[in-house]
PDB file of N, CA and C in Angstrom:
ATOM      1  N   MET A   1      -3.607   2.036  14.034  1.00  0.00           N
ATOM      2  CA  MET A   1      -5.104   3.092  14.703  1.00  0.00           C
ATOM      3  C   MET A   1      -6.512   2.136  14.850  1.00  0.00           C
ATOM      4  N   ARG A   2      -7.552   1.556  15.378  1.00  0.00           N
ATOM      5  CA  ARG A   2      -8.780   1.435  15.559  1.00  0.00           C
ATOM      6  C   ARG A   2      -9.670   2.652  14.569  1.00  0.00           C
ATOM      7  N   THR A   3     -10.433   1.883  13.717  1.00  0.00           N
ATOM      8  CA  THR A   3     -11.587   3.272  13.013  1.00  0.00           C
ATOM      9  C   THR A   3     -12.823   2.767  13.733  1.00  0.00           C
ATOM     10  N   ARG A   4     -13.784   3.433  14.328  1.00  0.00           N
ATOM     11  CA  ARG A   4     -15.159   2.889  14.847  1.00  0.00           C
ATOM     12  C   ARG A   4     -16.212   2.837  13.158  1.00  0.00           C
ATOM     13  N   GLU A   5     -16.644   1.663  13.196  1.00  0.00           N
ATOM     14  CA  GLU A   5     -17.323   1.133  11.876  1.00  0.00           C
ATOM     15  C   GLU A   5     -18.863   2.049  12.450  1.00  0.00           C
ATOM     16  N   TRP A   6     -20.036   2.201  12.081  1.00  0.00           N
ATOM     17  CA  TRP A   6     -21.615   2.654  12.114  1.00  0.00           C
ATOM     18  C   TRP A   6     -22.198   1.553  12.593  1.00  0.00           C
ATOM     19  N   HIS A   7     -23.171   1.595  13.420  1.00  0.00           N
ATOM     20  CA  HIS A   7     -23.421   0.678  14.230  1.00  0.00           C
ATOM     21  C   HIS A   7     -24.803   1.075  14.233  1.00  0.00           C
ATOM     22  N   PRO A   8     -26.156   0.491  13.806  1.00  0.00           N
ATOM     23  CA  PRO A   8     -27.535   1.391  14.494  1.00  0.00           C
ATOM     24  C   PRO A   8     -27.962   1.135  15.402  1.00  0.00           C
ATOM     25  N   ARG A   9     -27.348   0.170  16.688  1.00  0.00           N
ATOM     26  CA  ARG A   9     -27.658   0.254  17.844  1.00  0.00           C
ATOM     27  C   ARG A   9     -26.702   1.360  18.564  1.00  0.00           C
ATOM     28  N   VAL A  10     -25.473   2.071  18.277  1.00  0.00           N
ATOM     29  CA  VAL A  10     -24.838   2.778  19.125  1.00  0.00           C
ATOM     30  C   VAL A  10     -25.783   4.095  19.619  1.00  0.00           C
ATOM     31  N   PRO A  11     -25.986   4.399  20.424  1.00  0.00           N
ATOM     32  CA  PRO A  11     -27.189   5.666  20.633  1.00  0.00           C
ATOM     33  C   PRO A  11     -26.454   7.371  19.861  1.00  0.00           C
ATOM     34  N   GLU A  12     -25.198   7.222  19.891  1.00  0.00           N
ATOM     35  CA  GLU A  12     -24.717   8.902  19.337  1.00  0.00           C
ATOM     36  C   GLU A  12     -24.706   9.215  18.117  1.00  0.00           C
ATOM     37  N   GLN A  13     -25.045   7.627  17.602  1.00  0.00           N
ATOM     38  CA  GLN A  13     -24.936   7.704  16.115  1.00  0.00           C
ATOM     39  C   GLN A  13     -26.239   7.857  15.014  1.00  0.00           C
ATOM     40  N   ARG A  14     -27.296   7.415  15.824  1.00  0.00           N
ATOM     41  CA  ARG A  14     -28.955   7.928  15.880  1.00  0.00           C
ATOM     42  C   ARG A  14     -29.512   9.284  16.047  1.00  0.00           C
ATOM     43  N   PRO A  15     -30.092   9.945  15.203  1.00  0.00           N
ATOM     44  CA  PRO A  15     -30.700  11.177  14.952  1.00  0.00           C
ATOM     45  C   PRO A  15     -31.191  11.321  16.555  1.00  0.00           C
ATOM     46  N   GLY A  16     -30.588  12.441  16.923  1.00  0.00           N
ATOM     47  CA  GLY A  16     -30.791  13.096  18.231  1.00  0.00           C
ATOM     48  C   GLY A  16     -30.016  13.755  18.906  1.00  0.00           C
ATOM     49  N   PRO A  17     -30.476  14.759  20.131  1.00  0.00           N
ATOM     50  CA  PRO A  17     -29.819  14.860  20.753  1.00  0.00           C
ATOM     51  C   PRO A  17     -28.209  14.194  21.510  1.00  0.00           C
ATOM     52  N   PRO A  18     -27.444  15.002  21.866  1.00  0.00           N
ATOM     53  CA  PRO A  18     -26.508  13.828  22.299  1.00  0.00           C
ATOM     54  C   PRO A  18     -26.591  13.649  24.087  1.00  0.00           C
ATOM     55  N   GLY A  19     -26.830  12.364  24.509  1.00  0.00           N
ATOM     56  CA  GLY A  19     -27.231  11.951  25.885  1.00  0.00           C
ATOM     57  C   GLY A  19     -28.388  11.808  25.566  1.00  0.00           C
ATOM     58  N   HIS A  20     -29.284  11.406  24.862  1.00  0.00           N
ATOM     59  CA  HIS A  20     -30.854  10.973  24.780  1.00  0.00           C
ATOM     60  C   HIS A  20     -31.298  10.215  25.201  1.00  0.00           C
ATOM     61  N   CYS A  21     -30.680   9.095  25.995  1.00  0.00           N
ATOM     62  CA  CYS A  21     -30.889   7.715  26.460  1.00  0.00           C
ATOM     63  C   CYS A  21     -29.527   7.477  27.340  1.00  0.00           C
ATOM     64  N   ARG A  22     -30.519   6.443  28.465  1.00  0.00           N
ATOM     65  CA  ARG A  22     -29.724   6.367  29.788  1.00  0.00           C
ATOM     66  C   ARG A  22     -28.303   5.699  29.734  1.00  0.00           C
ATOM     67  N   TRP A  23     -28.516   4.744  28.657  1.00  0.00           N
ATOM     68  CA  TRP A  23     -27.031   3.908  28.117  1.00  0.00           C
ATOM     69  C   TRP A  23     -25.653   5.062  28.173  1.00  0.00           C
ATOM     70  N   HIS A  24     -26.155   6.040  27.269  1.00  0.00           N
ATOM     71  CA  HIS A  24     -24.812   6.948  26.134  1.00  0.00           C
ATOM     72  C   HIS A  24     -24.370   7.737  27.724  1.00  0.00           C
ATOM     73  N   LEU A  25     -25.294   8.121  28.635  1.00  0.00           N
ATOM     74  CA  LEU A  25     -25.219   8.600  29.912  1.00  0.00           C
ATOM     75  C   LEU A  25     -24.020   8.119  30.523  1.00  0.00           C
ATOM     76  N   ARG A  26     -24.627   6.643  30.792  1.00  0.00           N
ATOM     77  CA  ARG A  26     -23.252   5.424  31.824  1.00  0.00           C
ATOM     78  C   ARG A  26     -22.261   5.450  31.197  1.00  0.00           C
ATOM     79  N   LEU A  27     -22.320   5.599  29.881  1.00  0.00           N
ATOM     80  CA  LEU A  27     -21.154   5.007  28.992  1.00  0.00           C
ATOM     81  C   LEU A  27     -20.369   5.976  28.788  1.00  0.00           C
ATOM     82  N   LYS A  28     -20.408   7.525  28.950  1.00  0.00           N
ATOM     83  CA  LYS A  28     -19.830   8.446  28.889  1.00  0.00           C
ATOM     84  C   LYS A  28     -19.122   8.650  30.351  1.00  0.00           C
ATOM     85  N   SER A  29     -20.007   8.315  31.395  1.00  0.00           N
ATOM     86  CA  SER A  29     -19.596   8.676  32.382  1.00  0.00           C
ATOM     87  C   SER A  29     -18.814   7.787  32.903  1.00  0.00           C
ATOM     88  N   ALA A  30     -18.853   6.148  32.728  1.00  0.00           N
ATOM     89  CA  ALA A  30     -17.744   5.333  32.837  1.00  0.00           C
ATOM     90  C   ALA A  30     -16.620   5.297  32.175  1.00  0.00           C
ATOM     91  N   THR A  31     -16.677   6.064  30.905  1.00  0.00           N
ATOM     92  CA  THR A  31     -15.732   6.663  30.438  1.00  0.00           C
ATOM     93  C   THR A  31     -14.483   7.659  31.156  1.00  0.00           C
ATOM     94  N   ILE A  32     -15.288   8.665  30.919  1.00  0.00           N
ATOM     95  CA  ILE A  32     -14.507  10.115  31.894  1.00  0.00           C
ATOM     96  C   ILE A  32     -14.086   9.154  32.984  1.00  0.00           C
ATOM     97  N   ALA A  33     -14.714   8.509  34.073  1.00  0.00           N
ATOM     98  CA  ALA A  33     -13.923   8.211  35.225  1.00  0.00           C
ATOM     99  C   ALA A  33     -12.622   7.160  34.755  1.00  0.00           C
ATOM    100  N   PHE A  34     -12.937   6.367  33.562  1.00  0.00           N
ATOM    101  CA  PHE A  34     -11.386   5.624  33.488  1.00  0.00           C
ATOM    102  C   PHE A  34     -10.844   6.508  32.653  1.00  0.00           C
ATOM    103  N   GLN A  35     -10.629   7.909  32.316  1.00  0.00           N
ATOM    104  CA  GLN A  35      -9.954   8.565  31.828  1.00  0.00           C
ATOM    105  C   GLN A  35      -9.193   9.371  32.930  1.00  0.00           C
ATOM    106  N   GLN A  36      -9.686  10.031  33.844  1.00  0.00           N
ATOM    107  CA  GLN A  36      -9.453  10.121  35.166  1.00  0.00           C
ATOM    108  C   GLN A  36      -8.509   9.715  36.002  1.00  0.00           C
ATOM    109  N   CYS A  37      -8.575   8.071  36.262  1.00  0.00           N
ATOM    110  CA  CYS A  37      -8.167   6.972  37.044  1.00  0.00           C
ATOM    111  C   CYS A  37      -6.861   6.923  35.853  1.00  0.00           C
ATOM    112  N   THR A  38      -6.818   7.262  34.538  1.00  0.00           N
ATOM    113  CA  THR A  38      -5.694   6.444  33.650  1.00  0.00           C
ATOM    114  C   THR A  38      -4.990   7.815  33.349  1.00  0.00           C
ATOM    115  N   GLY A  39      -5.105   9.367  33.950  1.00  0.00           N
ATOM    116  CA  GLY A  39      -4.601  10.630  33.667  1.00  0.00           C
ATOM    117  C   GLY A  39      -4.578  11.024  32.330  1.00  0.00           C
ATOM    118  N   LEU A  40      -5.611  10.463  31.410  1.00  0.00           N
ATOM    119  CA  LEU A  40      -5.857  10.834  30.102  1.00  0.00           C
ATOM    120  C   LEU A  40      -6.669  12.236  30.123  1.00  0.00           C
ATOM    121  N   THR A  41      -7.038  13.059  29.122  1.00  0.00           N
ATOM    122  CA  THR A  41      -8.058  14.103  29.316  1.00  0.00           C
ATOM    123  C   THR A  41      -9.323  14.104  29.517  1.00  0.00           C
ATOM    124  N   ALA A  42      -9.865  13.896  30.357  1.00  0.00           N
ATOM    125  CA  ALA A  42     -11.260  13.513  30.586  1.00  0.00           C
ATOM    126  C   ALA A  42     -12.421  13.706  29.944  1.00  0.00           C
ATOM    127  N   ASP A  43     -12.416  13.557  28.727  1.00  0.00           N
ATOM    128  CA  ASP A  43     -13.438  14.286  27.796  1.00  0.00           C
ATOM    129  C   ASP A  43     -14.901  13.123  27.273  1.00  0.00           C
ATOM    130  N   GLY A  44     -14.792  11.934  27.828  1.00  0.00           N
ATOM    131  CA  GLY A  44     -15.436  11.202  27.582  1.00  0.00           C
ATOM    132  C   GLY A  44     -15.878  10.590  26.017  1.00  0.00           C
ATOM    133  N   ILE A  45     -14.646  11.317  25.585  1.00  0.00           N
ATOM    134  CA  ILE A  45     -14.721  10.631  24.087  1.00  0.00           C
ATOM    135  C   ILE A  45     -13.613   9.345  23.422  1.00  0.00           C
ATOM    136  N   ILE A  46     -13.965   7.871  23.500  1.00  0.00           N
ATOM    137  CA  ILE A  46     -13.552   7.283  23.274  1.00  0.00           C
ATOM    138  C   ILE A  46     -12.116   7.111  22.189  1.00  0.00           C
ATOM    139  N   GLY A  47     -11.275   7.592  22.006  1.00  0.00           N
ATOM    140  CA  GLY A  47     -10.276   7.975  20.846  1.00  0.00           C
ATOM    141  C   GLY A  47      -9.321   6.949  20.975  1.00  0.00           C
ATOM    142  N   PRO A  48      -8.056   7.075  20.405  1.00  0.00           N
ATOM    143  CA  PRO A  48      -7.034   5.960  20.321  1.00  0.00           C
ATOM    144  C   PRO A  48      -6.453   6.074  21.337  1.00  0.00           C
ATOM    145  N   ASN A  49      -6.170   7.063  21.649  1.00  0.00           N
ATOM    146  CA  ASN A  49      -5.777   6.822  23.474  1.00  0.00           C
ATOM    147  C   ASN A  49      -6.237   6.099  24.548  1.00  0.00           C
ATOM    148  N   THR A  50      -7.636   6.320  24.572  1.00  0.00           N
ATOM    149  CA  THR A  50      -8.710   5.904  25.504  1.00  0.00           C
ATOM    150  C   THR A  50      -8.261   4.296  25.146  1.00  0.00           C
ATOM    151  N   TRP A  51      -8.452   3.717  23.856  1.00  0.00           N
ATOM    152  CA  TRP A  51      -8.570   2.819  23.521  1.00  0.00           C
ATOM    153  C   TRP A  51      -7.164   1.743  23.812  1.00  0.00           C
ATOM    154  N   SER A  52      -6.389   2.482  23.481  1.00  0.00           N
ATOM    155  CA  SER A  52      -4.395   2.061  24.112  1.00  0.00           C
ATOM    156  C   SER A  52      -4.615   1.719  25.690  1.00  0.00           C
ATOM    157  N   GLU A  53      -5.558   2.517  26.703  1.00  0.00           N
ATOM    158  CA  GLU A  53      -5.036   2.430  27.731  1.00  0.00           C
ATOM    159  C   GLU A  53      -6.166   0.922  28.014  1.00  0.00           C
ATOM    160  N   LEU A  54      -7.273   1.263  27.540  1.00  0.00           N
ATOM    161  CA  LEU A  54      -8.366  -0.105  27.678  1.00  0.00           C
ATOM    162  C   LEU A  54      -7.365  -1.417  27.738  1.00  0.00           C
ATOM    163  N   ASP A  55      -6.725  -1.115  26.038  1.00  0.00           N
ATOM    164  CA  ASP A  55      -5.948  -2.387  25.982  1.00  0.00           C
ATOM    165  C   ASP A  55      -5.168  -3.025  26.786  1.00  0.00           C
ATOM    166  N   TYR A  56      -4.294  -1.894  27.178  1.00  0.00           N
ATOM    167  CA  TYR A  56      -3.259  -1.986  28.138  1.00  0.00           C
ATOM    168  C   TYR A  56      -3.861  -2.502  29.609  1.00  0.00           C
ATOM    169  N   TRP A  57      -4.458  -1.976  30.559  1.00  0.00           N
ATOM    170  CA  TRP A  57      -5.236  -1.897  31.414  1.00  0.00           C
ATOM    171  C   TRP A  57      -5.946  -3.862  31.369  1.00  0.00           C
ATOM    172  N   ARG A  58      -6.557  -3.968  30.420  1.00  0.00           N
ATOM    173  CA  ARG A  58      -7.212  -5.124  30.015  1.00  0.00           C
ATOM    174  C   ARG A  58      -6.223  -6.532  30.343  1.00  0.00           C
ATOM    175  N   TRP A  59      -5.359  -6.039  29.346  1.00  0.00           N
ATOM    176  CA  TRP A  59      -4.158  -7.277  29.268  1.00  0.00           C
ATOM    177  C   TRP A  59      -3.836  -7.623  30.881  1.00  0.00           C
ATOM    178  N   ASN A  60      -3.374  -6.243  30.974  1.00  0.00           N
ATOM    179  CA  ASN A  60      -2.496  -6.365  32.514  1.00  0.00           C
ATOM    180  C   ASN A  60      -3.274  -6.599  33.742  1.00  0.00           C
ATOM    181  N   ASP A  61      -4.375  -6.921  33.895  1.00  0.00           N
ATOM    182  CA  ASP A  61      -5.444  -6.769  34.702  1.00  0.00           C
ATOM    183  C   ASP A  61      -5.520  -5.739  35.523  1.00  0.00           C
ATOM    184  N   ILE A  62      -5.675  -4.567  35.223  1.00  0.00           N
ATOM    185  CA  ILE A  62      -5.250  -3.459  36.143  1.00  0.00           C
ATOM    186  C   ILE A  62      -6.684  -3.021  36.256  1.00  0.00           C
ATOM    187  N   ASP A  63      -6.872  -2.261  37.576  1.00  0.00           N
ATOM    188  CA  ASP A  63      -8.442  -2.129  38.152  1.00  0.00           C
ATOM    189  C   ASP A  63      -8.141  -0.830  38.786  1.00  0.00           C
ATOM    190  N   CYS A  64      -8.728   0.667  38.746  1.00  0.00           N
ATOM    191  CA  CYS A  64      -8.946   1.878  39.021  1.00  0.00           C
ATOM    192  C   CYS A  64      -9.493   1.291  40.904  1.00  0.00           C
ATOM    193  N   HIS A  65     -10.194   0.712  40.974  1.00  0.00           N
ATOM    194  CA  HIS A  65     -10.175   0.166  42.075  1.00  0.00           C
ATOM    195  C   HIS A  65      -9.975  -0.456  43.312  1.00  0.00           C
ATOM    196  N   LYS A  66      -8.934  -0.937  42.833  1.00  0.00           N
ATOM    197  CA  LYS A  66      -7.606  -1.891  43.484  1.00  0.00           C
ATOM    198  C   LYS A  66      -6.706  -0.764  44.707  1.00  0.00           C
TER     199      LYS A  66
END
């Protein structure tokens, strides 16, 4: 399982309320859309199951829009 390292440019790790910038909102929206497409719980959190699906879809060239 991968662990997320702290990075100062990741908005959710900066002080402030969740969703305080457009980048964060777009990432969360895209994450939820991907999770819905794959049948995962659509919570917008990129946890171990979402990472696993992302890897699987990437290496198998799968696209929700096909």
